[in-house]
Amino acid sequence: MSLRIARGVYNPEKERFHFYVSFKPTLDPTDDDRDVEGSHSVDVAISVTETGELADVAFSLPEPCRSRRSLEYLNRTHSATLIEEKVFITVPGMNGDSVLQGKGTLELDGAGRIMGLEIH
């Protein structure tokens, strides 16, 4: 399964874009209503191209999100690698030009599976 990524509008006050990375196959990353049942804040490191496209993402999983059930969609994502509690995601065909650090929110469905990552 491949990633589905949506990039929001550039925010000049914060000097950043808003991204949503979907791991659930049927989830449209542009939907505002994603039926989120739970969430966890994470610190993310992202790499973007010179045109502002997402190229790489890395973050640590919070303790409640490390179960086999929570990782179901993430484990099926071809470009995601899990090493212990660390998650490394590369976007196929993209090469990062700049590395930034930011905040993110892992969104979970009713079964506790990580559906996606919202990057603020």
PDB file of N, CA and C in Angstrom:
ATOM      1  N   MET A   1       0.845  -1.162   0.000  1.00  0.00           N
ATOM      2  CA  MET A   1       0.000   0.000   0.000  1.00  0.00           C
ATOM      3  C   MET A   1       0.899   1.235   0.000  1.00  0.00           C
ATOM      4  N   SER A   2       0.534   2.223  -0.780  1.00  0.00           N
ATOM      5  CA  SER A   2       1.337   3.435  -0.831  1.00  0.00           C
ATOM      6  C   SER A   2       0.699   4.547  -0.002  1.00  0.00           C
ATOM      7  N   LEU A   3       1.480   5.552   0.261  1.00  0.00           N
ATOM      8  CA  LEU A   3       1.029   6.690   1.051  1.00  0.00           C
ATOM      9  C   LEU A   3       0.081   7.567   0.259  1.00  0.00           C
ATOM     10  N   ARG A   4      -0.783   8.245   0.980  1.00  0.00           N
ATOM     11  CA  ARG A   4      -1.617   9.289   0.390  1.00  0.00           C
ATOM     12  C   ARG A   4      -1.361  10.529   1.224  1.00  0.00           C
ATOM     13  N   ILE A   5      -0.925  11.597   0.562  1.00  0.00           N
ATOM     14  CA  ILE A   5      -0.526  12.803   1.280  1.00  0.00           C
ATOM     15  C   ILE A   5      -1.291  14.002   0.748  1.00  0.00           C
ATOM     16  N   ALA A   6      -1.738  14.848   1.652  1.00  0.00           N
ATOM     17  CA  ALA A   6      -2.373  16.112   1.290  1.00  0.00           C
ATOM     18  C   ALA A   6      -1.551  17.233   1.906  1.00  0.00           C
ATOM     19  N   ARG A   7      -1.303  18.259   1.103  1.00  0.00           N
ATOM     20  CA  ARG A   7      -0.589  19.433   1.608  1.00  0.00           C
ATOM     21  C   ARG A   7      -1.565  20.590   1.675  1.00  0.00           C
ATOM     22  N   GLY A   8      -1.591  21.238   2.825  1.00  0.00           N
ATOM     23  CA  GLY A   8      -2.460  22.393   3.004  1.00  0.00           C
ATOM     24  C   GLY A   8      -1.817  23.656   2.465  1.00  0.00           C
ATOM     25  N   VAL A   9      -2.460  24.757   2.724  1.00  0.00           N
ATOM     26  CA  VAL A   9      -2.008  26.057   2.261  1.00  0.00           C
ATOM     27  C   VAL A   9      -0.850  26.542   3.135  1.00  0.00           C
ATOM     28  N   TYR A  10       0.084  27.250   2.532  1.00  0.00           N
ATOM     29  CA  TYR A  10       1.226  27.806   3.255  1.00  0.00           C
ATOM     30  C   TYR A  10       0.750  28.867   4.243  1.00  0.00           C
ATOM     31  N   ASN A  11       1.236  28.794   5.485  1.00  0.00           N
ATOM     32  CA  ASN A  11       0.892  29.759   6.513  1.00  0.00           C
ATOM     33  C   ASN A  11       2.094  30.681   6.713  1.00  0.00           C
ATOM     34  N   PRO A  12       2.027  31.912   6.192  1.00  0.00           N
ATOM     35  CA  PRO A  12       3.190  32.807   6.288  1.00  0.00           C
ATOM     36  C   PRO A  12       3.540  33.215   7.719  1.00  0.00           C
ATOM     37  N   GLU A  13       2.562  33.241   8.627  1.00  0.00           N
ATOM     38  CA  GLU A  13       2.845  33.604  10.018  1.00  0.00           C
ATOM     39  C   GLU A  13       3.712  32.556  10.703  1.00  0.00           C
ATOM     40  N   LYS A  14       3.433  31.289  10.421  1.00  0.00           N
ATOM     41  CA  LYS A  14       4.211  30.196  11.021  1.00  0.00           C
ATOM     42  C   LYS A  14       5.323  29.718  10.095  1.00  0.00           C
ATOM     43  N   GLU A  15       5.343  30.236   8.874  1.00  0.00           N
ATOM     44  CA  GLU A  15       6.326  29.864   7.863  1.00  0.00           C
ATOM     45  C   GLU A  15       6.367  28.361   7.628  1.00  0.00           C
ATOM     46  N   ARG A  16       5.180  27.757   7.487  1.00  0.00           N
ATOM     47  CA  ARG A  16       5.132  26.318   7.241  1.00  0.00           C
ATOM     48  C   ARG A  16       3.848  25.910   6.538  1.00  0.00           C
ATOM     49  N   PHE A  17       3.905  24.696   6.005  1.00  0.00           N
ATOM     50  CA  PHE A  17       2.744  24.056   5.390  1.00  0.00           C
ATOM     51  C   PHE A  17       2.103  23.126   6.405  1.00  0.00           C
ATOM     52  N   HIS A  18       0.899  22.746   6.135  1.00  0.00           N
ATOM     53  CA  HIS A  18       0.181  21.748   6.918  1.00  0.00           C
ATOM     54  C   HIS A  18       0.107  20.504   6.034  1.00  0.00           C
ATOM     55  N   PHE A  19       0.442  19.333   6.580  1.00  0.00           N
ATOM     56  CA  PHE A  19       0.394  18.088   5.810  1.00  0.00           C
ATOM     57  C   PHE A  19      -0.488  17.076   6.526  1.00  0.00           C
ATOM     58  N   TYR A  20      -1.093  16.181   5.746  1.00  0.00           N
ATOM     59  CA  TYR A  20      -1.778  15.025   6.312  1.00  0.00           C
ATOM     60  C   TYR A  20      -1.298  13.799   5.550  1.00  0.00           C
ATOM     61  N   VAL A  21      -0.789  12.813   6.289  1.00  0.00           N
ATOM     62  CA  VAL A  21      -0.299  11.567   5.701  1.00  0.00           C
ATOM     63  C   VAL A  21      -1.270  10.461   6.105  1.00  0.00           C
ATOM     64  N   SER A  22      -1.892   9.836   5.114  1.00  0.00           N
ATOM     65  CA  SER A  22      -2.881   8.787   5.369  1.00  0.00           C
ATOM     66  C   SER A  22      -2.241   7.406   5.222  1.00  0.00           C
ATOM     67  N   PHE A  23      -2.463   6.551   6.240  1.00  0.00           N
ATOM     68  CA  PHE A  23      -1.995   5.172   6.197  1.00  0.00           C
ATOM     69  C   PHE A  23      -3.137   4.202   5.903  1.00  0.00           C
ATOM     70  N   LYS A  24      -4.359   4.594   6.220  1.00  0.00           N
ATOM     71  CA  LYS A  24      -5.530   3.741   6.000  1.00  0.00           C
ATOM     72  C   LYS A  24      -5.889   3.792   4.512  1.00  0.00           C
ATOM     73  N   PRO A  25      -6.010   2.653   3.861  1.00  0.00           N
ATOM     74  CA  PRO A  25      -6.214   2.622   2.406  1.00  0.00           C
ATOM     75  C   PRO A  25      -7.450   3.389   1.919  1.00  0.00           C
ATOM     76  N   THR A  26      -8.507   3.390   2.685  1.00  0.00           N
ATOM     77  CA  THR A  26      -9.746   4.027   2.216  1.00  0.00           C
ATOM     78  C   THR A  26      -9.901   5.464   2.692  1.00  0.00           C
ATOM     79  N   LEU A  27      -8.924   5.992   3.396  1.00  0.00           N
ATOM     80  CA  LEU A  27      -9.023   7.334   3.958  1.00  0.00           C
ATOM     81  C   LEU A  27      -8.517   8.378   2.975  1.00  0.00           C
ATOM     82  N   ASP A  28      -9.379   9.326   2.632  1.00  0.00           N
ATOM     83  CA  ASP A  28      -8.993  10.439   1.772  1.00  0.00           C
ATOM     84  C   ASP A  28      -8.324  11.496   2.648  1.00  0.00           C
ATOM     85  N   PRO A  29      -7.044  11.804   2.402  1.00  0.00           N
ATOM     86  CA  PRO A  29      -6.341  12.746   3.270  1.00  0.00           C
ATOM     87  C   PRO A  29      -6.862  14.179   3.183  1.00  0.00           C
ATOM     88  N   THR A  30      -7.715  14.471   2.216  1.00  0.00           N
ATOM     89  CA  THR A  30      -8.264  15.822   2.101  1.00  0.00           C
ATOM     90  C   THR A  30      -9.587  15.978   2.843  1.00  0.00           C
ATOM     91  N   ASP A  31     -10.156  14.874   3.348  1.00  0.00           N
ATOM     92  CA  ASP A  31     -11.415  14.950   4.096  1.00  0.00           C
ATOM     93  C   ASP A  31     -11.207  15.652   5.433  1.00  0.00           C
ATOM     94  N   ASP A  32     -12.175  16.488   5.791  1.00  0.00           N
ATOM     95  CA  ASP A  32     -12.143  17.126   7.108  1.00  0.00           C
ATOM     96  C   ASP A  32     -12.715  16.201   8.168  1.00  0.00           C
ATOM     97  N   ASP A  33     -13.694  15.380   7.788  1.00  0.00           N
ATOM     98  CA  ASP A  33     -14.315  14.442   8.716  1.00  0.00           C
ATOM     99  C   ASP A  33     -13.726  13.057   8.486  1.00  0.00           C
ATOM    100  N   ARG A  34     -12.789  12.655   9.361  1.00  0.00           N
ATOM    101  CA  ARG A  34     -12.084  11.386   9.179  1.00  0.00           C
ATOM    102  C   ARG A  34     -12.492  10.337  10.204  1.00  0.00           C
ATOM    103  N   ASP A  35     -13.539  10.582  10.985  1.00  0.00           N
ATOM    104  CA  ASP A  35     -14.005   9.640  12.012  1.00  0.00           C
ATOM    105  C   ASP A  35     -12.895   9.248  12.984  1.00  0.00           C
ATOM    106  N   VAL A  36     -12.197  10.243  13.482  1.00  0.00           N
ATOM    107  CA  VAL A  36     -11.113  10.025  14.443  1.00  0.00           C
ATOM    108  C   VAL A  36     -11.713   9.691  15.803  1.00  0.00           C
ATOM    109  N   GLU A  37     -11.259   8.589  16.388  1.00  0.00           N
ATOM    110  CA  GLU A  37     -11.742   8.160  17.698  1.00  0.00           C
ATOM    111  C   GLU A  37     -10.731   8.428  18.806  1.00  0.00           C
ATOM    112  N   GLY A  38      -9.485   8.653  18.441  1.00  0.00           N
ATOM    113  CA  GLY A  38      -8.441   8.925  19.419  1.00  0.00           C
ATOM    114  C   GLY A  38      -7.267   9.588  18.742  1.00  0.00           C
ATOM    115  N   SER A  39      -6.405  10.216  19.527  1.00  0.00           N
ATOM    116  CA  SER A  39      -5.227  10.864  18.948  1.00  0.00           C
ATOM    117  C   SER A  39      -4.108  10.948  19.982  1.00  0.00           C
ATOM    118  N   HIS A  40      -2.890  11.082  19.464  1.00  0.00           N
ATOM    119  CA  HIS A  40      -1.705  11.226  20.303  1.00  0.00           C
ATOM    120  C   HIS A  40      -0.782  12.238  19.647  1.00  0.00           C
ATOM    121  N   SER A  41      -0.269  13.163  20.435  1.00  0.00           N
ATOM    122  CA  SER A  41       0.684  14.153  19.933  1.00  0.00           C
ATOM    123  C   SER A  41       2.067  13.532  19.809  1.00  0.00           C
ATOM    124  N   VAL A  42       2.775  13.916  18.745  1.00  0.00           N
ATOM    125  CA  VAL A  42       4.140  13.444  18.531  1.00  0.00           C
ATOM    126  C   VAL A  42       4.991  14.593  17.991  1.00  0.00           C
ATOM    127  N   ASP A  43       6.281  14.517  18.249  1.00  0.00           N
ATOM    128  CA  ASP A  43       7.235  15.422  17.622  1.00  0.00           C
ATOM    129  C   ASP A  43       7.666  14.758  16.320  1.00  0.00           C
ATOM    130  N   VAL A  44       7.706  15.529  15.245  1.00  0.00           N
ATOM    131  CA  VAL A  44       8.077  14.973  13.944  1.00  0.00           C
ATOM    132  C   VAL A  44       9.259  15.734  13.361  1.00  0.00           C
ATOM    133  N   ALA A  45      10.061  15.010  12.616  1.00  0.00           N
ATOM    134  CA  ALA A  45      11.099  15.617  11.788  1.00  0.00           C
ATOM    135  C   ALA A  45      10.665  15.360  10.355  1.00  0.00           C
ATOM    136  N   ILE A  46      10.631  16.414   9.552  1.00  0.00           N
ATOM    137  CA  ILE A  46      10.223  16.243   8.162  1.00  0.00           C
ATOM    138  C   ILE A  46      11.283  16.821   7.246  1.00  0.00           C
ATOM    139  N   SER A  47      11.324  16.269   6.078  1.00  0.00           N
ATOM    140  CA  SER A  47      12.189  16.754   5.022  1.00  0.00           C
ATOM    141  C   SER A  47      11.274  17.160   3.875  1.00  0.00           C
ATOM    142  N   VAL A  48      11.494  18.359   3.336  1.00  0.00           N
ATOM    143  CA  VAL A  48      10.666  18.845   2.230  1.00  0.00           C
ATOM    144  C   VAL A  48      11.544  19.156   1.024  1.00  0.00           C
ATOM    145  N   THR A  49      10.916  19.096  -0.150  1.00  0.00           N
ATOM    146  CA  THR A  49      11.622  19.444  -1.381  1.00  0.00           C
ATOM    147  C   THR A  49      11.718  20.956  -1.487  1.00  0.00           C
ATOM    148  N   GLU A  50      12.447  21.445  -2.463  1.00  0.00           N
ATOM    149  CA  GLU A  50      12.569  22.891  -2.626  1.00  0.00           C
ATOM    150  C   GLU A  50      11.258  23.540  -3.052  1.00  0.00           C
ATOM    151  N   THR A  51      10.277  22.741  -3.480  1.00  0.00           N
ATOM    152  CA  THR A  51       8.957  23.283  -3.822  1.00  0.00           C
ATOM    153  C   THR A  51       7.939  23.075  -2.702  1.00  0.00           C
ATOM    154  N   GLY A  52       8.388  22.582  -1.548  1.00  0.00           N
ATOM    155  CA  GLY A  52       7.516  22.434  -0.396  1.00  0.00           C
ATOM    156  C   GLY A  52       6.743  21.137  -0.313  1.00  0.00           C
ATOM    157  N   GLU A  53       7.099  20.149  -1.126  1.00  0.00           N
ATOM    158  CA  GLU A  53       6.451  18.835  -1.054  1.00  0.00           C
ATOM    159  C   GLU A  53       7.123  18.002   0.035  1.00  0.00           C
ATOM    160  N   LEU A  54       6.343  17.170   0.683  1.00  0.00           N
ATOM    161  CA  LEU A  54       6.862  16.300   1.733  1.00  0.00           C
ATOM    162  C   LEU A  54       7.713  15.189   1.125  1.00  0.00           C
ATOM    163  N   ALA A  55       8.919  14.988   1.659  1.00  0.00           N
ATOM    164  CA  ALA A  55       9.815  13.956   1.138  1.00  0.00           C
ATOM    165  C   ALA A  55      10.064  12.842   2.157  1.00  0.00           C
ATOM    166  N   ASP A  56      10.223  13.188   3.427  1.00  0.00           N
ATOM    167  CA  ASP A  56      10.508  12.208   4.481  1.00  0.00           C
ATOM    168  C   ASP A  56       9.853  12.661   5.777  1.00  0.00           C
ATOM    169  N   VAL A  57       9.507  11.680   6.621  1.00  0.00           N
ATOM    170  CA  VAL A  57       8.935  11.949   7.940  1.00  0.00           C
ATOM    171  C   VAL A  57       9.536  10.950   8.919  1.00  0.00           C
ATOM    172  N   ALA A  58       9.830  11.412  10.118  1.00  0.00           N
ATOM    173  CA  ALA A  58      10.298  10.514  11.180  1.00  0.00           C
ATOM    174  C   ALA A  58       9.660  10.956  12.494  1.00  0.00           C
ATOM    175  N   PHE A  59       9.274   9.970  13.309  1.00  0.00           N
ATOM    176  CA  PHE A  59       8.713  10.252  14.622  1.00  0.00           C
ATOM    177  C   PHE A  59       8.795   9.010  15.491  1.00  0.00           C
ATOM    178  N   SER A  60       8.631   9.204  16.793  1.00  0.00           N
ATOM    179  CA  SER A  60       8.603   8.095  17.744  1.00  0.00           C
ATOM    180  C   SER A  60       7.163   7.807  18.122  1.00  0.00           C
ATOM    181  N   LEU A  61       6.836   6.527  18.195  1.00  0.00           N
ATOM    182  CA  LEU A  61       5.484   6.122  18.573  1.00  0.00           C
ATOM    183  C   LEU A  61       5.276   6.267  20.075  1.00  0.00           C
ATOM    184  N   PRO A  62       4.159   6.873  20.487  1.00  0.00           N
ATOM    185  CA  PRO A  62       3.838   6.882  21.915  1.00  0.00           C
ATOM    186  C   PRO A  62       3.556   5.446  22.378  1.00  0.00           C
ATOM    187  N   GLU A  63       3.757   5.181  23.633  1.00  0.00           N
ATOM    188  CA  GLU A  63       3.575   3.829  24.189  1.00  0.00           C
ATOM    189  C   GLU A  63       2.242   3.179  23.797  1.00  0.00           C
ATOM    190  N   PRO A  64       1.102   3.880  23.878  1.00  0.00           N
ATOM    191  CA  PRO A  64      -0.170   3.225  23.541  1.00  0.00           C
ATOM    192  C   PRO A  64      -0.319   2.846  22.059  1.00  0.00           C
ATOM    193  N   CYS A  65       0.561   3.353  21.212  1.00  0.00           N
ATOM    194  CA  CYS A  65       0.457   3.106  19.767  1.00  0.00           C
ATOM    195  C   CYS A  65       1.448   2.069  19.262  1.00  0.00           C
ATOM    196  N   ARG A  66       2.012   1.263  20.131  1.00  0.00           N
ATOM    197  CA  ARG A  66       3.033   0.291  19.726  1.00  0.00           C
ATOM    198  C   ARG A  66       2.513  -1.134  19.587  1.00  0.00           C
ATOM    199  N   SER A  67       1.234  -1.330  19.761  1.00  0.00           N
ATOM    200  CA  SER A  67       0.683  -2.685  19.661  1.00  0.00           C
ATOM    201  C   SER A  67       0.548  -3.109  18.195  1.00  0.00           C
ATOM    202  N   ARG A  68       0.437  -4.398  17.998  1.00  0.00           N
ATOM    203  CA  ARG A  68       0.257  -4.943  16.654  1.00  0.00           C
ATOM    204  C   ARG A  68      -0.999  -4.361  15.998  1.00  0.00           C
ATOM    205  N   ARG A  69      -2.051  -4.249  16.779  1.00  0.00           N
ATOM    206  CA  ARG A  69      -3.316  -3.713  16.275  1.00  0.00           C
ATOM    207  C   ARG A  69      -3.173  -2.248  15.842  1.00  0.00           C
ATOM    208  N   SER A  70      -2.508  -1.436  16.661  1.00  0.00           N
ATOM    209  CA  SER A  70      -2.310  -0.019  16.341  1.00  0.00           C
ATOM    210  C   SER A  70      -1.505   0.166  15.064  1.00  0.00           C
ATOM    211  N   LEU A  71      -0.571  -0.723  14.820  1.00  0.00           N
ATOM    212  CA  LEU A  71       0.346  -0.590  13.684  1.00  0.00           C
ATOM    213  C   LEU A  71      -0.148  -1.270  12.405  1.00  0.00           C
ATOM    214  N   GLU A  72      -1.365  -1.783  12.414  1.00  0.00           N
ATOM    215  CA  GLU A  72      -1.875  -2.556  11.278  1.00  0.00           C
ATOM    216  C   GLU A  72      -1.733  -1.823   9.939  1.00  0.00           C
ATOM    217  N   TYR A  73      -2.217  -0.599   9.835  1.00  0.00           N
ATOM    218  CA  TYR A  73      -2.126   0.141   8.565  1.00  0.00           C
ATOM    219  C   TYR A  73      -0.694   0.576   8.275  1.00  0.00           C
ATOM    220  N   LEU A  74       0.009   0.995   9.286  1.00  0.00           N
ATOM    221  CA  LEU A  74       1.378   1.462   9.110  1.00  0.00           C
ATOM    222  C   LEU A  74       2.285   0.339   8.607  1.00  0.00           C
ATOM    223  N   ASN A  75       2.095  -0.879   9.115  1.00  0.00           N
ATOM    224  CA  ASN A  75       2.901  -2.018   8.671  1.00  0.00           C
ATOM    225  C   ASN A  75       2.650  -2.385   7.214  1.00  0.00           C
ATOM    226  N   ARG A  76       1.493  -2.045   6.697  1.00  0.00           N
ATOM    227  CA  ARG A  76       1.183  -2.346   5.294  1.00  0.00           C
ATOM    228  C   ARG A  76       1.638  -1.247   4.328  1.00  0.00           C
ATOM    229  N   THR A  77       2.166  -0.164   4.860  1.00  0.00           N
ATOM    230  CA  THR A  77       2.622   0.953   4.030  1.00  0.00           C
ATOM    231  C   THR A  77       4.031   0.654   3.539  1.00  0.00           C
ATOM    232  N   HIS A  78       4.195   0.535   2.218  1.00  0.00           N
ATOM    233  CA  HIS A  78       5.468   0.122   1.624  1.00  0.00           C
ATOM    234  C   HIS A  78       6.640   1.033   1.970  1.00  0.00           C
ATOM    235  N   SER A  79       6.400   2.322   2.082  1.00  0.00           N
ATOM    236  CA  SER A  79       7.509   3.254   2.287  1.00  0.00           C
ATOM    237  C   SER A  79       7.738   3.603   3.762  1.00  0.00           C
ATOM    238  N   ALA A  80       7.115   2.865   4.668  1.00  0.00           N
ATOM    239  CA  ALA A  80       7.311   3.086   6.104  1.00  0.00           C
ATOM    240  C   ALA A  80       8.183   1.980   6.687  1.00  0.00           C
ATOM    241  N   THR A  81       9.122   2.381   7.521  1.00  0.00           N
ATOM    242  CA  THR A  81      10.000   1.439   8.204  1.00  0.00           C
ATOM    243  C   THR A  81       9.880   1.675   9.701  1.00  0.00           C
ATOM    244  N   LEU A  82       9.698   0.597  10.446  1.00  0.00           N
ATOM    245  CA  LEU A  82       9.623   0.683  11.905  1.00  0.00           C
ATOM    246  C   LEU A  82      10.849   0.019  12.500  1.00  0.00           C
ATOM    247  N   ILE A  83      11.556   0.759  13.339  1.00  0.00           N
ATOM    248  CA  ILE A  83      12.696   0.228  14.072  1.00  0.00           C
ATOM    249  C   ILE A  83      12.446   0.547  15.529  1.00  0.00           C
ATOM    250  N   GLU A  84      12.083  -0.503  16.275  1.00  0.00           N
ATOM    251  CA  GLU A  84      11.634  -0.375  17.660  1.00  0.00           C
ATOM    252  C   GLU A  84      10.465   0.604  17.695  1.00  0.00           C
ATOM    253  N   GLU A  85      10.575   1.726  18.429  1.00  0.00           N
ATOM    254  CA  GLU A  85       9.447   2.660  18.496  1.00  0.00           C
ATOM    255  C   GLU A  85       9.570   3.806  17.479  1.00  0.00           C
ATOM    256  N   LYS A  86      10.587   3.783  16.646  1.00  0.00           N
ATOM    257  CA  LYS A  86      10.816   4.840  15.654  1.00  0.00           C
ATOM    258  C   LYS A  86      10.158   4.481  14.321  1.00  0.00           C
ATOM    259  N   VAL A  87       9.558   5.480  13.689  1.00  0.00           N
ATOM    260  CA  VAL A  87       8.931   5.308  12.383  1.00  0.00           C
ATOM    261  C   VAL A  87       9.644   6.229  11.397  1.00  0.00           C
ATOM    262  N   PHE A  88      10.057   5.665  10.266  1.00  0.00           N
ATOM    263  CA  PHE A  88      10.706   6.419   9.206  1.00  0.00           C
ATOM    264  C   PHE A  88       9.895   6.212   7.928  1.00  0.00           C
ATOM    265  N   ILE A  89       9.486   7.315   7.318  1.00  0.00           N
ATOM    266  CA  ILE A  89       8.661   7.246   6.119  1.00  0.00           C
ATOM    267  C   ILE A  89       9.335   8.049   5.016  1.00  0.00           C
ATOM    268  N   THR A  90       9.464   7.437   3.855  1.00  0.00           N
ATOM    269  CA  THR A  90       9.985   8.142   2.695  1.00  0.00           C
ATOM    270  C   THR A  90       8.896   8.192   1.638  1.00  0.00           C
ATOM    271  N   VAL A  91       8.793   9.331   0.993  1.00  0.00           N
ATOM    272  CA  VAL A  91       7.810   9.496  -0.074  1.00  0.00           C
ATOM    273  C   VAL A  91       8.506   9.139  -1.378  1.00  0.00           C
ATOM    274  N   PRO A  92       8.019   8.096  -2.063  1.00  0.00           N
ATOM    275  CA  PRO A  92       8.675   7.664  -3.302  1.00  0.00           C
ATOM    276  C   PRO A  92       8.790   8.801  -4.324  1.00  0.00           C
ATOM    277  N   GLY A  93       9.984   8.906  -4.905  1.00  0.00           N
ATOM    278  CA  GLY A  93      10.217   9.902  -5.947  1.00  0.00           C
ATOM    279  C   GLY A  93      10.550  11.293  -5.446  1.00  0.00           C
ATOM    280  N   MET A  94      10.609  11.495  -4.139  1.00  0.00           N
ATOM    281  CA  MET A  94      10.897  12.820  -3.579  1.00  0.00           C
ATOM    282  C   MET A  94      12.248  12.811  -2.871  1.00  0.00           C
ATOM    283  N   ASN A  95      12.978  13.913  -3.003  1.00  0.00           N
ATOM    284  CA  ASN A  95      14.246  14.093  -2.309  1.00  0.00           C
ATOM    285  C   ASN A  95      14.168  15.374  -1.492  1.00  0.00           C
ATOM    286  N   GLY A  96      14.441  15.251  -0.202  1.00  0.00           N
ATOM    287  CA  GLY A  96      14.351  16.397   0.687  1.00  0.00           C
ATOM    288  C   GLY A  96      15.485  17.377   0.495  1.00  0.00           C
ATOM    289  N   ASP A  97      15.135  18.641   0.593  1.00  0.00           N
ATOM    290  CA  ASP A  97      16.101  19.724   0.458  1.00  0.00           C
ATOM    291  C   ASP A  97      16.351  20.390   1.805  1.00  0.00           C
ATOM    292  N   SER A  98      15.319  20.445   2.634  1.00  0.00           N
ATOM    293  CA  SER A  98      15.403  21.075   3.952  1.00  0.00           C
ATOM    294  C   SER A  98      14.797  20.145   4.996  1.00  0.00           C
ATOM    295  N   VAL A  99      15.365  20.148   6.188  1.00  0.00           N
ATOM    296  CA  VAL A  99      14.843  19.343   7.286  1.00  0.00           C
ATOM    297  C   VAL A  99      14.275  20.288   8.337  1.00  0.00           C
ATOM    298  N   LEU A 100      13.043  19.993   8.762  1.00  0.00           N
ATOM    299  CA  LEU A 100      12.346  20.822   9.733  1.00  0.00           C
ATOM    300  C   LEU A 100      11.843  19.961  10.870  1.00  0.00           C
ATOM    301  N   GLN A 101      11.650  20.574  12.013  1.00  0.00           N
ATOM    302  CA  GLN A 101      11.073  19.869  13.152  1.00  0.00           C
ATOM    303  C   GLN A 101       9.740  20.519  13.469  1.00  0.00           C
ATOM    304  N   GLY A 102       8.759  19.697  13.825  1.00  0.00           N
ATOM    305  CA  GLY A 102       7.445  20.242  14.115  1.00  0.00           C
ATOM    306  C   GLY A 102       6.638  19.323  15.012  1.00  0.00           C
ATOM    307  N   LYS A 103       5.368  19.648  15.101  1.00  0.00           N
ATOM    308  CA  LYS A 103       4.426  18.879  15.915  1.00  0.00           C
ATOM    309  C   LYS A 103       3.479  18.125  15.000  1.00  0.00           C
ATOM    310  N   GLY A 104       3.052  16.981  15.463  1.00  0.00           N
ATOM    311  CA  GLY A 104       2.108  16.179  14.708  1.00  0.00           C
ATOM    312  C   GLY A 104       1.102  15.521  15.626  1.00  0.00           C
ATOM    313  N   THR A 105       0.057  14.989  15.010  1.00  0.00           N
ATOM    314  CA  THR A 105      -0.966  14.268  15.748  1.00  0.00           C
ATOM    315  C   THR A 105      -1.244  12.957  15.037  1.00  0.00           C
ATOM    316  N   LEU A 106      -1.028  11.847  15.730  1.00  0.00           N
ATOM    317  CA  LEU A 106      -1.404  10.543  15.197  1.00  0.00           C
ATOM    318  C   LEU A 106      -2.900  10.375  15.431  1.00  0.00           C
ATOM    319  N   GLU A 107      -3.644  10.032  14.391  1.00  0.00           N
ATOM    320  CA  GLU A 107      -5.086   9.846  14.510  1.00  0.00           C
ATOM    321  C   GLU A 107      -5.412   8.365  14.467  1.00  0.00           C
ATOM    322  N   LEU A 108      -6.284   7.923  15.388  1.00  0.00           N
ATOM    323  CA  LEU A 108      -6.649   6.516  15.496  1.00  0.00           C
ATOM    324  C   LEU A 108      -8.129   6.327  15.206  1.00  0.00           C
ATOM    325  N   ASP A 109      -8.449   5.172  14.631  1.00  0.00           N
ATOM    326  CA  ASP A 109      -9.854   4.842  14.379  1.00  0.00           C
ATOM    327  C   ASP A 109     -10.450   4.167  15.612  1.00  0.00           C
ATOM    328  N   GLY A 110     -11.697   3.730  15.511  1.00  0.00           N
ATOM    329  CA  GLY A 110     -12.391   3.121  16.636  1.00  0.00           C
ATOM    330  C   GLY A 110     -11.751   1.844  17.139  1.00  0.00           C
ATOM    331  N   ALA A 111     -10.994   1.152  16.282  1.00  0.00           N
ATOM    332  CA  ALA A 111     -10.321  -0.083  16.674  1.00  0.00           C
ATOM    333  C   ALA A 111      -8.925   0.178  17.243  1.00  0.00           C
ATOM    334  N   GLY A 112      -8.538   1.454  17.322  1.00  0.00           N
ATOM    335  CA  GLY A 112      -7.217   1.797  17.863  1.00  0.00           C
ATOM    336  C   GLY A 112      -6.097   1.745  16.863  1.00  0.00           C
ATOM    337  N   ARG A 113      -6.408   1.640  15.556  1.00  0.00           N
ATOM    338  CA  ARG A 113      -5.386   1.581  14.515  1.00  0.00           C
ATOM    339  C   ARG A 113      -5.002   3.007  14.088  1.00  0.00           C
ATOM    340  N   ILE A 114      -3.708   3.217  13.859  1.00  0.00           N
ATOM    341  CA  ILE A 114      -3.234   4.526  13.407  1.00  0.00           C
ATOM    342  C   ILE A 114      -3.692   4.715  11.963  1.00  0.00           C
ATOM    343  N   MET A 115      -4.568   5.704  11.748  1.00  0.00           N
ATOM    344  CA  MET A 115      -5.110   5.989  10.406  1.00  0.00           C
ATOM    345  C   MET A 115      -4.230   6.947   9.634  1.00  0.00           C
ATOM    346  N   GLY A 116      -3.664   7.911  10.344  1.00  0.00           N
ATOM    347  CA  GLY A 116      -2.883   8.928   9.656  1.00  0.00           C
ATOM    348  C   GLY A 116      -2.128   9.815  10.620  1.00  0.00           C
ATOM    349  N   LEU A 117      -1.361  10.705  10.040  1.00  0.00           N
ATOM    350  CA  LEU A 117      -0.530  11.643  10.789  1.00  0.00           C
ATOM    351  C   LEU A 117      -0.813  13.029  10.265  1.00  0.00           C
ATOM    352  N   GLU A 118      -1.292  13.901  11.137  1.00  0.00           N
ATOM    353  CA  GLU A 118      -1.491  15.304  10.787  1.00  0.00           C
ATOM    354  C   GLU A 118      -0.265  16.066  11.258  1.00  0.00           C
ATOM    355  N   ILE A 119       0.380  16.794  10.361  1.00  0.00           N
ATOM    356  CA  ILE A 119       1.585  17.555  10.695  1.00  0.00           C
ATOM    357  C   ILE A 119       1.219  19.031  10.655  1.00  0.00           C
ATOM    358  N   HIS A 120       1.438  19.695  11.788  1.00  0.00           N
ATOM    359  CA  HIS A 120       1.050  21.108  11.929  1.00  0.00           C
ATOM    360  C   HIS A 120       2.198  22.011  11.536  1.00  0.00           C
TER     361      HIS A 120
END
